[in-house]
Amino acid sequence: MVKTAQLERHYTQDELAELLGVHVITIKRACKRGDLSFYKIGRSVRIPQSAVDDWLARKRVSANA
């Protein structure tokens, strides 16, 4: 059986900010601090879905907080 590689979804900083309903500065700061992993291709920044999932999991607040 041959497995095909699936490409992971990547977002620009603007796309991710819109998707999460936050200001793009919030995303840029998270990238700059190293809280949100990203790829830099030329001048373009791309954030993989797995990095978004990890970042959001760390940001989760428990119900009794």
PDB file of N, CA and C in Angstrom:
ATOM      1  N   MET A   1       0.846  -1.176   0.000  1.00  0.00           N
ATOM      2  CA  MET A   1       0.000   0.000   0.000  1.00  0.00           C
ATOM      3  C   MET A   1       0.898   1.250   0.000  1.00  0.00           C
ATOM      4  N   VAL A   2       0.565   2.188  -0.811  1.00  0.00           N
ATOM      5  CA  VAL A   2       1.336   3.421  -0.913  1.00  0.00           C
ATOM      6  C   VAL A   2       0.623   4.518  -0.133  1.00  0.00           C
ATOM      7  N   LYS A   3       1.361   5.166   0.750  1.00  0.00           N
ATOM      8  CA  LYS A   3       0.799   6.274   1.519  1.00  0.00           C
ATOM      9  C   LYS A   3       1.115   7.580   0.802  1.00  0.00           C
ATOM     10  N   THR A   4       0.125   8.438   0.745  1.00  0.00           N
ATOM     11  CA  THR A   4       0.362   9.748   0.154  1.00  0.00           C
ATOM     12  C   THR A   4       0.511  10.764   1.282  1.00  0.00           C
ATOM     13  N   ALA A   5       1.445  11.652   1.115  1.00  0.00           N
ATOM     14  CA  ALA A   5       1.680  12.684   2.121  1.00  0.00           C
ATOM     15  C   ALA A   5       0.602  13.762   1.995  1.00  0.00           C
ATOM     16  N   GLN A   6       0.064  14.139   3.133  1.00  0.00           N
ATOM     17  CA  GLN A   6      -0.900  15.227   3.136  1.00  0.00           C
ATOM     18  C   GLN A   6      -0.214  16.473   3.654  1.00  0.00           C
ATOM     19  N   LEU A   7      -0.425  17.550   2.952  1.00  0.00           N
ATOM     20  CA  LEU A   7       0.177  18.814   3.376  1.00  0.00           C
ATOM     21  C   LEU A   7      -0.648  19.410   4.503  1.00  0.00           C
ATOM     22  N   GLU A   8       0.061  19.896   5.493  1.00  0.00           N
ATOM     23  CA  GLU A   8      -0.579  20.542   6.624  1.00  0.00           C
ATOM     24  C   GLU A   8      -0.998  21.956   6.216  1.00  0.00           C
ATOM     25  N   ARG A   9      -2.109  22.414   6.731  1.00  0.00           N
ATOM     26  CA  ARG A   9      -2.603  23.764   6.458  1.00  0.00           C
ATOM     27  C   ARG A   9      -1.674  24.781   7.108  1.00  0.00           C
ATOM     28  N   HIS A  10      -1.328  25.827   6.378  1.00  0.00           N
ATOM     29  CA  HIS A  10      -0.501  26.921   6.881  1.00  0.00           C
ATOM     30  C   HIS A  10      -1.261  28.230   6.710  1.00  0.00           C
ATOM     31  N   TYR A  11      -1.108  29.131   7.671  1.00  0.00           N
ATOM     32  CA  TYR A  11      -1.803  30.415   7.651  1.00  0.00           C
ATOM     33  C   TYR A  11      -0.806  31.565   7.596  1.00  0.00           C
ATOM     34  N   THR A  12      -1.218  32.659   6.984  1.00  0.00           N
ATOM     35  CA  THR A  12      -0.464  33.898   7.119  1.00  0.00           C
ATOM     36  C   THR A  12      -0.864  34.488   8.465  1.00  0.00           C
ATOM     37  N   GLN A  13      -0.140  35.479   8.918  1.00  0.00           N
ATOM     38  CA  GLN A  13      -0.483  36.122  10.180  1.00  0.00           C
ATOM     39  C   GLN A  13      -1.849  36.796  10.088  1.00  0.00           C
ATOM     40  N   ASP A  14      -2.142  37.406   8.967  1.00  0.00           N
ATOM     41  CA  ASP A  14      -3.448  38.050   8.769  1.00  0.00           C
ATOM     42  C   ASP A  14      -4.585  37.033   8.772  1.00  0.00           C
ATOM     43  N   GLU A  15      -4.384  35.905   8.082  1.00  0.00           N
ATOM     44  CA  GLU A  15      -5.409  34.865   8.031  1.00  0.00           C
ATOM     45  C   GLU A  15      -5.699  34.306   9.423  1.00  0.00           C
ATOM     46  N   LEU A  16      -4.641  34.054  10.180  1.00  0.00           N
ATOM     47  CA  LEU A  16      -4.819  33.481  11.511  1.00  0.00           C
ATOM     48  C   LEU A  16      -5.504  34.466  12.450  1.00  0.00           C
ATOM     49  N   ALA A  17      -5.129  35.730  12.363  1.00  0.00           N
ATOM     50  CA  ALA A  17      -5.774  36.750  13.195  1.00  0.00           C
ATOM     51  C   ALA A  17      -7.271  36.813  12.894  1.00  0.00           C
ATOM     52  N   GLU A  18      -7.632  36.793  11.626  1.00  0.00           N
ATOM     53  CA  GLU A  18      -9.041  36.836  11.241  1.00  0.00           C
ATOM     54  C   GLU A  18      -9.774  35.581  11.712  1.00  0.00           C
ATOM     55  N   LEU A  19      -9.143  34.437  11.538  1.00  0.00           N
ATOM     56  CA  LEU A  19      -9.748  33.169  11.944  1.00  0.00           C
ATOM     57  C   LEU A  19     -10.031  33.130  13.449  1.00  0.00           C
ATOM     58  N   LEU A  20      -9.096  33.649  14.244  1.00  0.00           N
ATOM     59  CA  LEU A  20      -9.239  33.619  15.703  1.00  0.00           C
ATOM     60  C   LEU A  20      -9.962  34.833  16.265  1.00  0.00           C
ATOM     61  N   GLY A  21     -10.201  35.830  15.426  1.00  0.00           N
ATOM     62  CA  GLY A  21     -10.898  37.025  15.889  1.00  0.00           C
ATOM     63  C   GLY A  21     -10.048  37.899  16.800  1.00  0.00           C
ATOM     64  N   VAL A  22      -8.747  37.945  16.521  1.00  0.00           N
ATOM     65  CA  VAL A  22      -7.835  38.787  17.298  1.00  0.00           C
ATOM     66  C   VAL A  22      -7.138  39.747  16.342  1.00  0.00           C
ATOM     67  N   HIS A  23      -6.471  40.740  16.889  1.00  0.00           N
ATOM     68  CA  HIS A  23      -5.733  41.685  16.062  1.00  0.00           C
ATOM     69  C   HIS A  23      -4.456  41.024  15.564  1.00  0.00           C
ATOM     70  N   VAL A  24      -4.042  41.374  14.367  1.00  0.00           N
ATOM     71  CA  VAL A  24      -2.839  40.783  13.787  1.00  0.00           C
ATOM     72  C   VAL A  24      -1.610  41.044  14.657  1.00  0.00           C
ATOM     73  N   ILE A  25      -1.596  42.135  15.407  1.00  0.00           N
ATOM     74  CA  ILE A  25      -0.473  42.425  16.314  1.00  0.00           C
ATOM     75  C   ILE A  25      -0.340  41.320  17.365  1.00  0.00           C
ATOM     76  N   THR A  26      -1.447  40.762  17.815  1.00  0.00           N
ATOM     77  CA  THR A  26      -1.411  39.665  18.789  1.00  0.00           C
ATOM     78  C   THR A  26      -0.648  38.477  18.214  1.00  0.00           C
ATOM     79  N   ILE A  27      -0.910  38.150  16.966  1.00  0.00           N
ATOM     80  CA  ILE A  27      -0.240  37.025  16.301  1.00  0.00           C
ATOM     81  C   ILE A  27       1.238  37.352  16.089  1.00  0.00           C
ATOM     82  N   LYS A  28       1.523  38.565  15.644  1.00  0.00           N
ATOM     83  CA  LYS A  28       2.918  38.954  15.411  1.00  0.00           C
ATOM     84  C   LYS A  28       3.736  38.924  16.700  1.00  0.00           C
ATOM     85  N   ARG A  29       3.147  39.367  17.794  1.00  0.00           N
ATOM     86  CA  ARG A  29       3.852  39.335  19.086  1.00  0.00           C
ATOM     87  C   ARG A  29       4.117  37.903  19.533  1.00  0.00           C
ATOM     88  N   ALA A  30       3.136  37.027  19.351  1.00  0.00           N
ATOM     89  CA  ALA A  30       3.311  35.622  19.743  1.00  0.00           C
ATOM     90  C   ALA A  30       4.443  34.991  18.935  1.00  0.00           C
ATOM     91  N   CYS A  31       4.536  35.328  17.669  1.00  0.00           N
ATOM     92  CA  CYS A  31       5.627  34.811  16.833  1.00  0.00           C
ATOM     93  C   CYS A  31       6.969  35.374  17.296  1.00  0.00           C
ATOM     94  N   LYS A  32       7.001  36.673  17.544  1.00  0.00           N
ATOM     95  CA  LYS A  32       8.251  37.322  17.950  1.00  0.00           C
ATOM     96  C   LYS A  32       8.763  36.792  19.283  1.00  0.00           C
ATOM     97  N   ARG A  33       7.842  36.518  20.234  1.00  0.00           N
ATOM     98  CA  ARG A  33       8.227  35.982  21.550  1.00  0.00           C
ATOM     99  C   ARG A  33       8.627  34.517  21.480  1.00  0.00           C
ATOM    100  N   GLY A  34       8.295  33.849  20.390  1.00  0.00           N
ATOM    101  CA  GLY A  34       8.593  32.428  20.271  1.00  0.00           C
ATOM    102  C   GLY A  34       7.484  31.548  20.809  1.00  0.00           C
ATOM    103  N   ASP A  35       6.336  32.144  21.136  1.00  0.00           N
ATOM    104  CA  ASP A  35       5.195  31.370  21.635  1.00  0.00           C
ATOM    105  C   ASP A  35       4.498  30.603  20.521  1.00  0.00           C
ATOM    106  N   LEU A  36       4.592  31.114  19.314  1.00  0.00           N
ATOM    107  CA  LEU A  36       3.909  30.536  18.159  1.00  0.00           C
ATOM    108  C   LEU A  36       4.955  30.249  17.093  1.00  0.00           C
ATOM    109  N   SER A  37       5.146  28.968  16.785  1.00  0.00           N
ATOM    110  CA  SER A  37       6.151  28.567  15.793  1.00  0.00           C
ATOM    111  C   SER A  37       5.688  28.938  14.388  1.00  0.00           C
ATOM    112  N   PHE A  38       6.643  29.273  13.546  1.00  0.00           N
ATOM    113  CA  PHE A  38       6.310  29.646  12.175  1.00  0.00           C
ATOM    114  C   PHE A  38       7.482  29.355  11.254  1.00  0.00           C
ATOM    115  N   TYR A  39       7.196  29.378   9.956  1.00  0.00           N
ATOM    116  CA  TYR A  39       8.216  29.267   8.922  1.00  0.00           C
ATOM    117  C   TYR A  39       8.342  30.622   8.260  1.00  0.00           C
ATOM    118  N   LYS A  40       9.557  30.989   7.933  1.00  0.00           N
ATOM    119  CA  LYS A  40       9.770  32.223   7.187  1.00  0.00           C
ATOM    120  C   LYS A  40      10.311  31.822   5.820  1.00  0.00           C
ATOM    121  N   ILE A  41       9.564  32.183   4.794  1.00  0.00           N
ATOM    122  CA  ILE A  41       9.943  31.878   3.422  1.00  0.00           C
ATOM    123  C   ILE A  41      10.094  33.220   2.713  1.00  0.00           C
ATOM    124  N   GLY A  42      11.329  33.620   2.510  1.00  0.00           N
ATOM    125  CA  GLY A  42      11.574  34.970   2.012  1.00  0.00           C
ATOM    126  C   GLY A  42      11.122  35.954   3.078  1.00  0.00           C
ATOM    127  N   ARG A  43      10.224  36.840   2.718  1.00  0.00           N
ATOM    128  CA  ARG A  43       9.661  37.775   3.696  1.00  0.00           C
ATOM    129  C   ARG A  43       8.329  37.297   4.241  1.00  0.00           C
ATOM    130  N   SER A  44       7.844  36.184   3.718  1.00  0.00           N
ATOM    131  CA  SER A  44       6.534  35.670   4.120  1.00  0.00           C
ATOM    132  C   SER A  44       6.632  34.797   5.367  1.00  0.00           C
ATOM    133  N   VAL A  45       5.667  34.954   6.243  1.00  0.00           N
ATOM    134  CA  VAL A  45       5.561  34.127   7.446  1.00  0.00           C
ATOM    135  C   VAL A  45       4.388  33.177   7.257  1.00  0.00           C
ATOM    136  N   ARG A  46       4.617  31.899   7.535  1.00  0.00           N
ATOM    137  CA  ARG A  46       3.567  30.888   7.447  1.00  0.00           C
ATOM    138  C   ARG A  46       3.534  30.117   8.759  1.00  0.00           C
ATOM    139  N   ILE A  47       2.340  29.978   9.305  1.00  0.00           N
ATOM    140  CA  ILE A  47       2.152  29.326  10.598  1.00  0.00           C
ATOM    141  C   ILE A  47       1.399  28.025  10.374  1.00  0.00           C
ATOM    142  N   PRO A  48       2.014  26.886  10.705  1.00  0.00           N
ATOM    143  CA  PRO A  48       1.352  25.599  10.483  1.00  0.00           C
ATOM    144  C   PRO A  48       0.218  25.353  11.481  1.00  0.00           C
ATOM    145  N   GLN A  49      -0.766  24.594  11.054  1.00  0.00           N
ATOM    146  CA  GLN A  49      -1.917  24.276  11.900  1.00  0.00           C
ATOM    147  C   GLN A  49      -1.478  23.631  13.210  1.00  0.00           C
ATOM    148  N   SER A  50      -0.456  22.774  13.153  1.00  0.00           N
ATOM    149  CA  SER A  50       0.006  22.105  14.378  1.00  0.00           C
ATOM    150  C   SER A  50       0.529  23.120  15.397  1.00  0.00           C
ATOM    151  N   ALA A  51       1.185  24.180  14.928  1.00  0.00           N
ATOM    152  CA  ALA A  51       1.687  25.218  15.836  1.00  0.00           C
ATOM    153  C   ALA A  51       0.521  25.990  16.446  1.00  0.00           C
ATOM    154  N   VAL A  52      -0.508  26.234  15.655  1.00  0.00           N
ATOM    155  CA  VAL A  52      -1.711  26.918  16.154  1.00  0.00           C
ATOM    156  C   VAL A  52      -2.372  26.067  17.228  1.00  0.00           C
ATOM    157  N   ASP A  53      -2.515  24.765  16.953  1.00  0.00           N
ATOM    158  CA  ASP A  53      -3.135  23.854  17.918  1.00  0.00           C
ATOM    159  C   ASP A  53      -2.363  23.822  19.232  1.00  0.00           C
ATOM    160  N   ASP A  54      -1.032  23.743  19.144  1.00  0.00           N
ATOM    161  CA  ASP A  54      -0.192  23.718  20.352  1.00  0.00           C
ATOM    162  C   ASP A  54      -0.321  25.022  21.139  1.00  0.00           C
ATOM    163  N   TRP A  55      -0.293  26.144  20.431  1.00  0.00           N
ATOM    164  CA  TRP A  55      -0.370  27.457  21.066  1.00  0.00           C
ATOM    165  C   TRP A  55      -1.707  27.624  21.775  1.00  0.00           C
ATOM    166  N   LEU A  56      -2.785  27.243  21.096  1.00  0.00           N
ATOM    167  CA  LEU A  56      -4.106  27.366  21.712  1.00  0.00           C
ATOM    168  C   LEU A  56      -4.256  26.443  22.924  1.00  0.00           C
ATOM    169  N   ALA A  57      -3.664  25.261  22.855  1.00  0.00           N
ATOM    170  CA  ALA A  57      -3.728  24.330  23.993  1.00  0.00           C
ATOM    171  C   ALA A  57      -3.023  24.933  25.217  1.00  0.00           C
ATOM    172  N   ARG A  58      -1.909  25.620  24.993  1.00  0.00           N
ATOM    173  CA  ARG A  58      -1.198  26.260  26.096  1.00  0.00           C
ATOM    174  C   ARG A  58      -1.951  27.471  26.632  1.00  0.00           C
ATOM    175  N   LYS A  59      -2.781  28.070  25.820  1.00  0.00           N
ATOM    176  CA  LYS A  59      -3.557  29.250  26.222  1.00  0.00           C
ATOM    177  C   LYS A  59      -4.867  28.885  26.917  1.00  0.00           C
ATOM    178  N   ARG A  60      -5.248  27.615  26.862  1.00  0.00           N
ATOM    179  CA  ARG A  60      -6.519  27.172  27.444  1.00  0.00           C
ATOM    180  C   ARG A  60      -6.556  27.459  28.930  1.00  0.00           C
ATOM    181  N   VAL A  61      -7.676  27.961  29.386  1.00  0.00           N
ATOM    182  CA  VAL A  61      -7.886  28.254  30.799  1.00  0.00           C
ATOM    183  C   VAL A  61      -8.909  27.259  31.319  1.00  0.00           C
ATOM    184  N   SER A  62      -8.632  26.666  32.473  1.00  0.00           N
ATOM    185  CA  SER A  62      -9.565  25.682  33.025  1.00  0.00           C
ATOM    186  C   SER A  62     -10.830  26.380  33.509  1.00  0.00           C
ATOM    187  N   ALA A  63     -11.897  25.631  33.627  1.00  0.00           N
ATOM    188  CA  ALA A  63     -13.195  26.181  34.003  1.00  0.00           C
ATOM    189  C   ALA A  63     -13.199  26.765  35.418  1.00  0.00           C
ATOM    190  N   ASN A  64     -12.366  26.260  36.308  1.00  0.00           N
ATOM    191  CA  ASN A  64     -12.365  26.759  37.690  1.00  0.00           C
ATOM    192  C   ASN A  64     -11.266  27.804  37.940  1.00  0.00           C
ATOM    193  N   ALA A  65     -10.723  28.378  36.882  1.00  0.00           N
ATOM    194  CA  ALA A  65      -9.683  29.414  37.071  1.00  0.00           C
ATOM    195  C   ALA A  65     -10.281  30.777  37.301  1.00  0.00           C
TER     196      ALA A  65
END
